Amino acid sequence: MMRLPLPEPMLAGTRFVLRPWESGDAASLAVAWSDPEMRRWLPVPEPGDLSAAAAWIAGEADRRHAGQALDLVAVEPVDDLAGGLGADPMGRSGNGSAAKGQAGADLLGEVGLSAFDPERGAAMIGWWTAEPHRRRGIATEIVRLLTTWALGPQLGLKILVAEVEPANPGSLAVAMAAGYQEVGRRDDGRLVMAAVAATGAVIGSGRRV
């Protein structure tokens, strides 16, 4: 598997920056994992305590270098980046180091890629937002931002796939707002949503992927 690159320059939205996880984020991650709503929909470690959060973060670079996963955390910028956020159509910050050293900054959520299929140019995308920051449009923004980058020239993927529980209307709304369309269902009922690159492969409606 290929070593996965980090976005360069750093991706930034109107209210956040996306950066790699840092050791100082462990306490905030453990709090997020303790949320019953998150535990309902996502495979959270048990126990999802500070030690588990620290161990998961410590393995992030190894997973990325092995081509297994790319996980980015959305945090509020501690520096005044208002002049740069959102100015670039790709949502890139002009200051590549602006969010570094911000471990412990207010954690908004996470977005990541996994299950890479180099032959198809495909990967899975997943996301979550911390409880205090839901229903603010942040999830849609972080998913749209990473999707645009991943289907662009730096990563060069053709297809991104999200699996959504039909009983989770919030996640379904995020996927649709970020440009994902339903293309099929898993045997367990999960919706398969896909976004494709402008020049990439087209997945027919209803096809199992």
C-alpha atoms as a PDB file:
ATOM      1  CA  MET A   1       0.000   0.000   0.000  1.00  0.00           C
ATOM      2  CA  MET A   2       1.084   3.546  -0.664  1.00  0.00           C
ATOM      3  CA  ARG A   3       2.087   5.910   2.094  1.00  0.00           C
ATOM      4  CA  LEU A   4      -0.765   8.376   2.431  1.00  0.00           C
ATOM      5  CA  PRO A   5       0.129  12.060   2.187  1.00  0.00           C
ATOM      6  CA  LEU A   6      -1.196  14.751   4.457  1.00  0.00           C
ATOM      7  CA  PRO A   7      -3.017  17.622   2.755  1.00  0.00           C
ATOM      8  CA  GLU A   8      -0.524  20.306   1.819  1.00  0.00           C
ATOM      9  CA  PRO A   9      -1.200  23.058   2.523  1.00  0.00           C
ATOM     10  CA  MET A  10      -3.414  22.306   5.496  1.00  0.00           C
ATOM     11  CA  LEU A  11      -7.152  22.163   4.818  1.00  0.00           C
ATOM     12  CA  ALA A  12      -9.211  24.833   6.540  1.00  0.00           C
ATOM     13  CA  GLY A  13     -12.907  25.633   6.660  1.00  0.00           C
ATOM     14  CA  THR A  14     -14.669  28.768   7.754  1.00  0.00           C
ATOM     15  CA  ARG A  15     -14.631  27.700  11.421  1.00  0.00           C
ATOM     16  CA  PHE A  16     -11.924  25.074  11.738  1.00  0.00           C
ATOM     17  CA  VAL A  17      -8.689  23.601  10.510  1.00  0.00           C
ATOM     18  CA  LEU A  18      -8.128  19.921   9.700  1.00  0.00           C
ATOM     19  CA  ARG A  19      -4.852  18.595  11.056  1.00  0.00           C
ATOM     20  CA  PRO A  20      -3.368  15.268  12.180  1.00  0.00           C
ATOM     21  CA  TRP A  21      -4.215  14.063  15.659  1.00  0.00           C
ATOM     22  CA  GLU A  22      -1.726  15.023  18.383  1.00  0.00           C
ATOM     23  CA  SER A  23      -1.026  13.457  21.760  1.00  0.00           C
ATOM     24  CA  GLY A  24      -2.591  16.405  23.567  1.00  0.00           C
ATOM     25  CA  ASP A  25      -5.948  15.609  21.934  1.00  0.00           C
ATOM     26  CA  ALA A  26      -6.362  12.364  23.895  1.00  0.00           C
ATOM     27  CA  ALA A  27      -8.496  13.795  26.700  1.00  0.00           C
ATOM     28  CA  SER A  28     -10.882  15.459  24.248  1.00  0.00           C
ATOM     29  CA  LEU A  29     -11.113  12.261  22.202  1.00  0.00           C
ATOM     30  CA  ALA A  30     -11.940  10.199  25.291  1.00  0.00           C
ATOM     31  CA  VAL A  31     -14.737  12.629  26.155  1.00  0.00           C
ATOM     32  CA  ALA A  32     -16.115  12.384  22.619  1.00  0.00           C
ATOM     33  CA  TRP A  33     -15.996   8.581  22.738  1.00  0.00           C
ATOM     34  CA  SER A  34     -18.018   8.589  25.978  1.00  0.00           C
ATOM     35  CA  ASP A  35     -21.012  10.185  24.238  1.00  0.00           C
ATOM     36  CA  PRO A  36     -23.868   7.621  24.083  1.00  0.00           C
ATOM     37  CA  GLU A  37     -24.931   8.837  20.654  1.00  0.00           C
ATOM     38  CA  MET A  38     -21.468   8.232  19.258  1.00  0.00           C
ATOM     39  CA  ARG A  39     -21.310   4.795  20.842  1.00  0.00           C
ATOM     40  CA  ARG A  40     -24.674   3.997  19.266  1.00  0.00           C
ATOM     41  CA  TRP A  41     -23.495   4.549  15.700  1.00  0.00           C
ATOM     42  CA  LEU A  42     -19.729   4.042  15.678  1.00  0.00           C
ATOM     43  CA  PRO A  43     -17.326   1.253  16.718  1.00  0.00           C
ATOM     44  CA  VAL A  44     -15.804   2.948  19.757  1.00  0.00           C
ATOM     45  CA  PRO A  45     -13.108   1.148  21.807  1.00  0.00           C
ATOM     46  CA  GLU A  46     -14.231  -0.416  25.069  1.00  0.00           C
ATOM     47  CA  PRO A  47     -13.285   1.033  27.393  1.00  0.00           C
ATOM     48  CA  GLY A  48     -12.921   4.260  25.443  1.00  0.00           C
ATOM     49  CA  ASP A  49     -10.874   5.879  28.180  1.00  0.00           C
ATOM     50  CA  LEU A  50      -7.882   8.202  28.150  1.00  0.00           C
ATOM     51  CA  SER A  51      -5.436   5.325  27.749  1.00  0.00           C
ATOM     52  CA  ALA A  52      -7.335   3.945  24.742  1.00  0.00           C
ATOM     53  CA  ALA A  53      -7.565   7.387  23.169  1.00  0.00           C
ATOM     54  CA  ALA A  54      -3.838   7.985  23.640  1.00  0.00           C
ATOM     55  CA  ALA A  55      -3.019   4.590  22.108  1.00  0.00           C
ATOM     56  CA  TRP A  56      -5.267   5.203  19.099  1.00  0.00           C
ATOM     57  CA  ILE A  57      -3.686   8.603  18.467  1.00  0.00           C
ATOM     58  CA  ALA A  58      -0.187   7.152  18.871  1.00  0.00           C
ATOM     59  CA  GLY A  59      -0.922   4.703  16.055  1.00  0.00           C
ATOM     60  CA  GLU A  60      -2.214   7.312  13.613  1.00  0.00           C
ATOM     61  CA  ALA A  61       1.090   7.947  11.848  1.00  0.00           C
ATOM     62  CA  ASP A  62       1.788   4.222  11.468  1.00  0.00           C
ATOM     63  CA  ARG A  63      -1.647   3.645   9.914  1.00  0.00           C
ATOM     64  CA  ARG A  64      -1.088   6.512   7.498  1.00  0.00           C
ATOM     65  CA  HIS A  65       2.433   5.408   6.553  1.00  0.00           C
ATOM     66  CA  ALA A  66       1.139   1.873   5.918  1.00  0.00           C
ATOM     67  CA  GLY A  67      -1.587   3.206   3.620  1.00  0.00           C
ATOM     68  CA  GLN A  68      -4.340   1.953   5.919  1.00  0.00           C
ATOM     69  CA  ALA A  69      -6.049   5.147   7.017  1.00  0.00           C
ATOM     70  CA  LEU A  70      -5.840   8.917   7.014  1.00  0.00           C
ATOM     71  CA  ASP A  71      -7.515  10.530  10.025  1.00  0.00           C
ATOM     72  CA  LEU A  72      -7.794  14.276  10.550  1.00  0.00           C
ATOM     73  CA  VAL A  73      -9.242  16.156  13.496  1.00  0.00           C
ATOM     74  CA  ALA A  74     -11.234  19.371  13.092  1.00  0.00           C
ATOM     75  CA  VAL A  75     -10.302  21.957  15.704  1.00  0.00           C
ATOM     76  CA  GLU A  76     -11.042  25.607  16.190  1.00  0.00           C
ATOM     77  CA  PRO A  77      -7.977  27.653  15.216  1.00  0.00           C
ATOM     78  CA  VAL A  78      -6.355  29.328  18.196  1.00  0.00           C
ATOM     79  CA  ASP A  79      -4.675  31.917  15.989  1.00  0.00           C
ATOM     80  CA  ASP A  80      -6.597  34.530  14.038  1.00  0.00           C
ATOM     81  CA  LEU A  81      -6.864  32.893  10.633  1.00  0.00           C
ATOM     82  CA  ALA A  82      -9.995  34.747   9.558  1.00  0.00           C
ATOM     83  CA  GLY A  83      -8.193  36.361   6.666  1.00  0.00           C
ATOM     84  CA  GLY A  84      -7.249  33.012   5.165  1.00  0.00           C
ATOM     85  CA  LEU A  85     -10.066  30.616   5.987  1.00  0.00           C
ATOM     86  CA  GLY A  86     -12.401  29.892   3.131  1.00  0.00           C
ATOM     87  CA  ALA A  87     -10.591  32.177   0.696  1.00  0.00           C
ATOM     88  CA  ASP A  88      -9.188  29.281  -1.307  1.00  0.00           C
ATOM     89  CA  PRO A  89     -11.792  27.272  -3.250  1.00  0.00           C
ATOM     90  CA  MET A  90     -10.194  24.090  -1.893  1.00  0.00           C
ATOM     91  CA  GLY A  91     -10.435  25.471   1.628  1.00  0.00           C
ATOM     92  CA  ARG A  92      -6.685  25.501   2.089  1.00  0.00           C
ATOM     93  CA  SER A  93      -5.064  27.685   4.671  1.00  0.00           C
ATOM     94  CA  GLY A  94      -2.286  29.928   3.484  1.00  0.00           C
ATOM     95  CA  ASN A  95      -0.371  29.251   6.695  1.00  0.00           C
ATOM     96  CA  GLY A  96       0.639  25.609   6.706  1.00  0.00           C
ATOM     97  CA  SER A  97       1.808  25.742  10.320  1.00  0.00           C
ATOM     98  CA  ALA A  98      -1.017  27.790  11.789  1.00  0.00           C
ATOM     99  CA  ALA A  99      -2.771  24.882  13.505  1.00  0.00           C
ATOM    100  CA  LYS A 100       0.332  23.059  14.686  1.00  0.00           C
ATOM    101  CA  GLY A 101       0.889  22.978  18.400  1.00  0.00           C
ATOM    102  CA  GLN A 102      -2.825  23.348  19.031  1.00  0.00           C
ATOM    103  CA  ALA A 103      -3.275  20.033  20.808  1.00  0.00           C
ATOM    104  CA  GLY A 104      -6.047  20.500  23.325  1.00  0.00           C
ATOM    105  CA  ALA A 105      -7.803  23.133  21.214  1.00  0.00           C
ATOM    106  CA  ASP A 106     -11.580  22.816  21.066  1.00  0.00           C
ATOM    107  CA  LEU A 107     -12.208  19.544  19.225  1.00  0.00           C
ATOM    108  CA  LEU A 108     -15.102  19.805  16.771  1.00  0.00           C
ATOM    109  CA  GLY A 109     -14.991  16.426  15.066  1.00  0.00           C
ATOM    110  CA  GLU A 110     -13.090  13.993  12.901  1.00  0.00           C
ATOM    111  CA  VAL A 111     -13.056  12.875   9.287  1.00  0.00           C
ATOM    112  CA  GLY A 112     -11.014  10.063   7.823  1.00  0.00           C
ATOM    113  CA  LEU A 113     -10.363   7.741   4.914  1.00  0.00           C
ATOM    114  CA  SER A 114      -9.831   3.980   5.115  1.00  0.00           C
ATOM    115  CA  ALA A 115     -10.287   0.693   3.214  1.00  0.00           C
ATOM    116  CA  PHE A 116      -8.236   1.916   0.254  1.00  0.00           C
ATOM    117  CA  ASP A 117      -8.616   0.019  -3.028  1.00  0.00           C
ATOM    118  CA  PRO A 118      -5.768   1.167  -5.316  1.00  0.00           C
ATOM    119  CA  GLU A 119      -7.060  -0.766  -8.330  1.00  0.00           C
ATOM    120  CA  ARG A 120     -10.392   1.033  -8.277  1.00  0.00           C
ATOM    121  CA  GLY A 121      -9.019   4.284  -6.917  1.00  0.00           C
ATOM    122  CA  ALA A 122     -11.535   3.996  -4.094  1.00  0.00           C
ATOM    123  CA  ALA A 123     -11.679   4.486  -0.339  1.00  0.00           C
ATOM    124  CA  MET A 124     -14.189   4.685   2.481  1.00  0.00           C
ATOM    125  CA  ILE A 125     -14.907   7.962   4.242  1.00  0.00           C
ATOM    126  CA  GLY A 126     -16.190   8.313   7.786  1.00  0.00           C
ATOM    127  CA  TRP A 127     -16.785  11.191  10.164  1.00  0.00           C
ATOM    128  CA  TRP A 128     -18.219  12.315  13.464  1.00  0.00           C
ATOM    129  CA  THR A 129     -18.739  15.552  15.349  1.00  0.00           C
ATOM    130  CA  ALA A 130     -18.455  16.133  19.075  1.00  0.00           C
ATOM    131  CA  GLU A 131     -21.800  16.536  20.831  1.00  0.00           C
ATOM    132  CA  PRO A 132     -21.567  20.311  21.524  1.00  0.00           C
ATOM    133  CA  HIS A 133     -20.903  21.017  17.830  1.00  0.00           C
ATOM    134  CA  ARG A 134     -23.665  19.057  16.113  1.00  0.00           C
ATOM    135  CA  ARG A 135     -26.424  20.593  14.005  1.00  0.00           C
ATOM    136  CA  ARG A 136     -24.168  23.512  13.064  1.00  0.00           C
ATOM    137  CA  GLY A 137     -23.203  22.353   9.579  1.00  0.00           C
ATOM    138  CA  ILE A 138     -19.667  21.480  10.655  1.00  0.00           C
ATOM    139  CA  ALA A 139     -19.893  17.811   9.673  1.00  0.00           C
ATOM    140  CA  THR A 140     -21.063  18.714   6.180  1.00  0.00           C
ATOM    141  CA  GLU A 141     -18.211  21.170   5.816  1.00  0.00           C
ATOM    142  CA  ILE A 142     -15.475  18.774   6.941  1.00  0.00           C
ATOM    143  CA  VAL A 143     -16.802  15.929   4.773  1.00  0.00           C
ATOM    144  CA  ARG A 144     -17.118  18.153   1.718  1.00  0.00           C
ATOM    145  CA  LEU A 145     -13.630  19.559   2.267  1.00  0.00           C
ATOM    146  CA  LEU A 146     -11.869  16.194   2.576  1.00  0.00           C
ATOM    147  CA  THR A 147     -13.917  14.765  -0.297  1.00  0.00           C
ATOM    148  CA  THR A 148     -12.843  17.570  -2.621  1.00  0.00           C
ATOM    149  CA  TRP A 149      -9.206  17.089  -1.635  1.00  0.00           C
ATOM    150  CA  ALA A 150      -9.244  13.274  -1.876  1.00  0.00           C
ATOM    151  CA  LEU A 151     -10.829  13.306  -5.338  1.00  0.00           C
ATOM    152  CA  GLY A 152      -8.396  15.982  -6.469  1.00  0.00           C
ATOM    153  CA  PRO A 153      -4.861  15.700  -7.869  1.00  0.00           C
ATOM    154  CA  GLN A 154      -2.941  15.282  -4.604  1.00  0.00           C
ATOM    155  CA  LEU A 155      -4.553  11.963  -3.609  1.00  0.00           C
ATOM    156  CA  GLY A 156      -6.144  11.235  -6.985  1.00  0.00           C
ATOM    157  CA  LEU A 157      -8.953   8.932  -5.882  1.00  0.00           C
ATOM    158  CA  LYS A 158     -11.872   8.270  -8.230  1.00  0.00           C
ATOM    159  CA  ILE A 159     -14.521   7.126  -5.780  1.00  0.00           C
ATOM    160  CA  LEU A 160     -15.282   7.761  -2.118  1.00  0.00           C
ATOM    161  CA  VAL A 161     -17.861   5.590  -0.382  1.00  0.00           C
ATOM    162  CA  ALA A 162     -19.750   6.279   2.837  1.00  0.00           C
ATOM    163  CA  GLU A 163     -21.873   3.696   4.633  1.00  0.00           C
ATOM    164  CA  VAL A 164     -24.797   5.257   6.475  1.00  0.00           C
ATOM    165  CA  GLU A 165     -27.373   3.738   8.801  1.00  0.00           C
ATOM    166  CA  PRO A 166     -30.883   4.598   7.537  1.00  0.00           C
ATOM    167  CA  ALA A 167     -31.929   5.180  11.159  1.00  0.00           C
ATOM    168  CA  ASN A 168     -29.317   7.938  11.477  1.00  0.00           C
ATOM    169  CA  PRO A 169     -30.960  10.851   9.634  1.00  0.00           C
ATOM    170  CA  GLY A 170     -28.281  13.309  10.683  1.00  0.00           C
ATOM    171  CA  SER A 171     -25.498  11.317   9.052  1.00  0.00           C
ATOM    172  CA  LEU A 172     -27.613  10.747   5.951  1.00  0.00           C
ATOM    173  CA  ALA A 173     -28.264  14.482   5.663  1.00  0.00           C
ATOM    174  CA  VAL A 174     -24.529  15.190   5.959  1.00  0.00           C
ATOM    175  CA  ALA A 175     -23.668  12.734   3.199  1.00  0.00           C
ATOM    176  CA  MET A 176     -26.277  14.149   0.849  1.00  0.00           C
ATOM    177  CA  ALA A 177     -25.316  17.754   1.565  1.00  0.00           C
ATOM    178  CA  ALA A 178     -21.657  16.880   0.911  1.00  0.00           C
ATOM    179  CA  GLY A 179     -22.529  15.533  -2.544  1.00  0.00           C
ATOM    180  CA  TYR A 180     -22.893  11.795  -1.903  1.00  0.00           C
ATOM    181  CA  GLN A 181     -25.604   9.819  -3.681  1.00  0.00           C
ATOM    182  CA  GLU A 182     -27.127   6.484  -2.747  1.00  0.00           C
ATOM    183  CA  VAL A 183     -25.835   3.700  -4.978  1.00  0.00           C
ATOM    184  CA  GLY A 184     -26.924   0.589  -3.096  1.00  0.00           C
ATOM    185  CA  ARG A 185     -27.441  -1.157   0.229  1.00  0.00           C
ATOM    186  CA  ARG A 186     -25.448  -3.631   2.255  1.00  0.00           C
ATOM    187  CA  ASP A 187     -27.067  -6.875   3.320  1.00  0.00           C
ATOM    188  CA  ASP A 188     -27.414  -5.432   6.826  1.00  0.00           C
ATOM    189  CA  GLY A 189     -29.416  -2.478   5.480  1.00  0.00           C
ATOM    190  CA  ARG A 190     -26.746   0.204   5.558  1.00  0.00           C
ATOM    191  CA  LEU A 191     -26.991   2.702   2.726  1.00  0.00           C
ATOM    192  CA  VAL A 192     -23.993   2.908   0.407  1.00  0.00           C
ATOM    193  CA  MET A 193     -23.393   6.511  -0.636  1.00  0.00           C
ATOM    194  CA  ALA A 194     -20.761   7.501  -3.196  1.00  0.00           C
ATOM    195  CA  ALA A 195     -19.032  10.582  -4.535  1.00  0.00           C
ATOM    196  CA  VAL A 196     -16.985  10.347  -7.727  1.00  0.00           C
ATOM    197  CA  ALA A 197     -14.286  12.481  -9.280  1.00  0.00           C
ATOM    198  CA  ALA A 198     -15.382  14.617 -12.208  1.00  0.00           C
ATOM    199  CA  THR A 199     -13.437  12.411 -14.623  1.00  0.00           C
ATOM    200  CA  GLY A 200     -13.691   9.227 -12.585  1.00  0.00           C
ATOM    201  CA  ALA A 201     -15.755   6.078 -12.839  1.00  0.00           C
ATOM    202  CA  VAL A 202     -19.522   6.260 -12.566  1.00  0.00           C
ATOM    203  CA  ILE A 203     -21.322   3.867 -10.232  1.00  0.00           C
ATOM    204  CA  GLY A 204     -24.753   2.888 -11.479  1.00  0.00           C
ATOM    205  CA  SER A 205     -27.733   3.468  -9.199  1.00  0.00           C
ATOM    206  CA  GLY A 206     -28.582   0.427  -7.112  1.00  0.00           C
ATOM    207  CA  ARG A 207     -25.282  -1.345  -7.676  1.00  0.00           C
ATOM    208  CA  ARG A 208     -23.789  -3.117  -4.688  1.00  0.00           C
ATOM    209  CA  VAL A 209     -20.291  -1.793  -4.013  1.00  0.00           C
END
